[in-house]
Amino acid sequence: MNTEEHDDLWRLLGKVRTPSASPFFSRNVQRAIREERQETTGVFAWLRRHWQLGALGTCAVAVAALALAPGPQRTEVPDPTALLAEQLSQSIDYQVISNLDELIASEESLAWLEN
């Protein structure tokens, strides 16, 4: 490689001041990147920017739903005697039991007549 051809170039490069970065170079680059970022559109982008409004709206809907919801229903405990009577009246043997009562009553009256 012939250095004599490039001596003028090297002399010229030797006179150039060395570049130095500004102390705020990285901050300025990041600011420029943020400014050039493209805006995203849509519901999620809007909620990301205005999350307080979204949270407030969600809380308002939840409170309204709780206020309009019906309270717990009170169920009455049925009387055990009434339950047993209902089951007995729906039984197939109910007619037999009522006829048995009549038969016993007639037997008792016959026993009084025979003596």
Protein backbone atom coordinates (compact mmCIF):
# COMPACT_ATOMS: atom_id res chain seq x y z
CA MET A 1 0.00 0.00 0.00
CA ASN A 2 1.42 3.31 -1.04
CA THR A 3 1.16 5.78 1.88
CA GLU A 4 2.46 8.68 -0.16
CA GLU A 5 -0.82 8.88 -2.09
CA HIS A 6 -2.83 9.20 1.12
CA ASP A 7 -0.55 11.55 3.07
CA ASP A 8 -2.68 14.57 2.27
CA LEU A 9 -5.75 12.76 3.50
CA TRP A 10 -4.08 11.78 6.78
CA ARG A 11 -2.83 15.31 7.36
CA LEU A 12 -6.32 16.64 6.78
CA LEU A 13 -7.84 14.05 9.14
CA GLY A 14 -5.28 14.96 11.79
CA LYS A 15 -6.50 18.55 11.80
CA VAL A 16 -10.17 17.59 12.35
CA ARG A 17 -11.52 18.02 15.84
CA THR A 18 -12.61 14.76 17.48
CA PRO A 19 -16.38 14.55 17.95
CA SER A 20 -17.64 14.36 21.50
CA ALA A 21 -21.14 13.42 22.57
CA SER A 22 -23.26 15.87 24.47
CA PRO A 23 -23.86 15.01 28.13
CA PHE A 24 -27.62 14.93 27.35
CA PHE A 25 -27.26 12.88 24.16
CA SER A 26 -29.15 9.78 25.38
CA ARG A 27 -31.95 11.88 26.87
CA ASN A 28 -32.37 13.78 23.61
CA VAL A 29 -32.40 10.57 21.56
CA GLN A 30 -35.07 9.01 23.79
CA ARG A 31 -37.19 12.16 23.59
CA ALA A 32 -36.95 12.13 19.80
CA ILE A 33 -38.00 8.47 19.71
CA ARG A 34 -40.99 9.15 21.97
CA GLU A 35 -42.08 12.05 19.77
CA GLU A 36 -41.90 9.91 16.63
CA ARG A 37 -43.86 7.00 18.11
CA GLN A 38 -47.04 6.30 16.24
CA GLU A 39 -50.29 6.79 18.06
CA THR A 40 -52.30 3.59 18.58
CA THR A 41 -56.05 3.84 18.15
CA GLY A 42 -58.85 1.78 19.61
CA VAL A 43 -60.62 1.16 22.86
CA PHE A 44 -57.64 -0.40 24.63
CA ALA A 45 -55.33 2.46 23.66
CA TRP A 46 -57.89 4.96 24.95
CA LEU A 47 -58.28 3.00 28.22
CA ARG A 48 -54.50 2.83 28.60
CA ARG A 49 -54.31 6.63 28.37
CA HIS A 50 -57.43 7.29 30.45
CA TRP A 51 -57.41 4.33 32.84
CA GLN A 52 -58.91 6.37 35.68
CA LEU A 53 -62.11 6.96 33.70
CA GLY A 54 -62.34 3.29 32.80
CA ALA A 55 -61.83 2.20 36.41
CA LEU A 56 -64.40 4.72 37.64
CA GLY A 57 -66.95 3.53 35.07
CA THR A 58 -66.38 -0.11 36.02
CA CYS A 59 -66.87 0.67 39.70
CA ALA A 60 -70.06 2.61 38.93
CA VAL A 61 -71.50 -0.33 36.97
CA ALA A 62 -70.60 -2.74 39.79
CA VAL A 63 -72.24 -0.54 42.44
CA ALA A 64 -75.38 -0.16 40.29
CA ALA A 65 -75.57 -3.92 39.77
CA LEU A 66 -75.27 -4.56 43.50
CA ALA A 67 -77.88 -1.92 44.31
CA LEU A 68 -80.41 -3.31 41.85
CA ALA A 69 -79.83 -6.99 42.72
CA PRO A 70 -82.55 -8.58 44.85
CA GLY A 71 -81.64 -9.38 48.44
CA PRO A 72 -81.46 -12.90 49.83
CA GLN A 73 -84.81 -14.67 49.82
CA ARG A 74 -86.10 -15.80 53.20
CA THR A 75 -87.30 -19.36 53.15
CA GLU A 76 -89.61 -20.59 55.87
CA VAL A 77 -88.93 -23.89 57.58
CA PRO A 78 -92.01 -26.13 57.19
CA ASP A 79 -93.66 -27.65 60.23
CA PRO A 80 -92.63 -31.34 60.54
CA THR A 81 -96.16 -32.36 61.54
CA ALA A 82 -97.65 -30.63 58.51
CA LEU A 83 -95.04 -32.27 56.30
CA LEU A 84 -95.89 -35.72 57.67
CA ALA A 85 -99.63 -35.07 57.24
CA GLU A 86 -99.08 -33.99 53.63
CA GLN A 87 -97.03 -37.08 52.86
CA LEU A 88 -99.64 -39.27 54.49
CA SER A 89 -102.52 -37.69 52.56
CA GLN A 90 -100.69 -38.25 49.27
CA SER A 91 -99.98 -41.91 50.10
CA ILE A 92 -101.86 -44.72 48.36
CA ASP A 93 -102.56 -46.33 51.74
CA TYR A 94 -104.50 -43.28 52.99
CA GLN A 95 -107.89 -44.71 52.01
CA VAL A 96 -107.05 -48.01 53.68
CA ILE A 97 -106.06 -46.25 56.89
CA SER A 98 -109.29 -44.19 56.96
CA ASN A 99 -111.38 -47.35 56.35
CA LEU A 100 -109.44 -49.15 59.08
CA ASP A 101 -110.44 -46.45 61.56
CA GLU A 102 -114.10 -46.96 60.63
CA LEU A 103 -113.73 -50.74 60.97
CA ILE A 104 -112.20 -50.45 64.44
CA ALA A 105 -114.96 -48.04 65.50
CA SER A 106 -117.64 -50.46 64.27
CA GLU A 107 -115.98 -53.39 66.06
CA GLU A 108 -115.96 -51.48 69.33
CA SER A 109 -119.66 -50.72 69.03
CA LEU A 110 -120.38 -54.40 68.25
CA ALA A 111 -118.46 -55.50 71.31
CA TRP A 112 -120.76 -53.35 73.47
CA LEU A 113 -123.83 -54.83 71.86
CA GLU A 114 -122.84 -58.49 72.34
CA ASN A 115 -122.32 -58.34 76.07
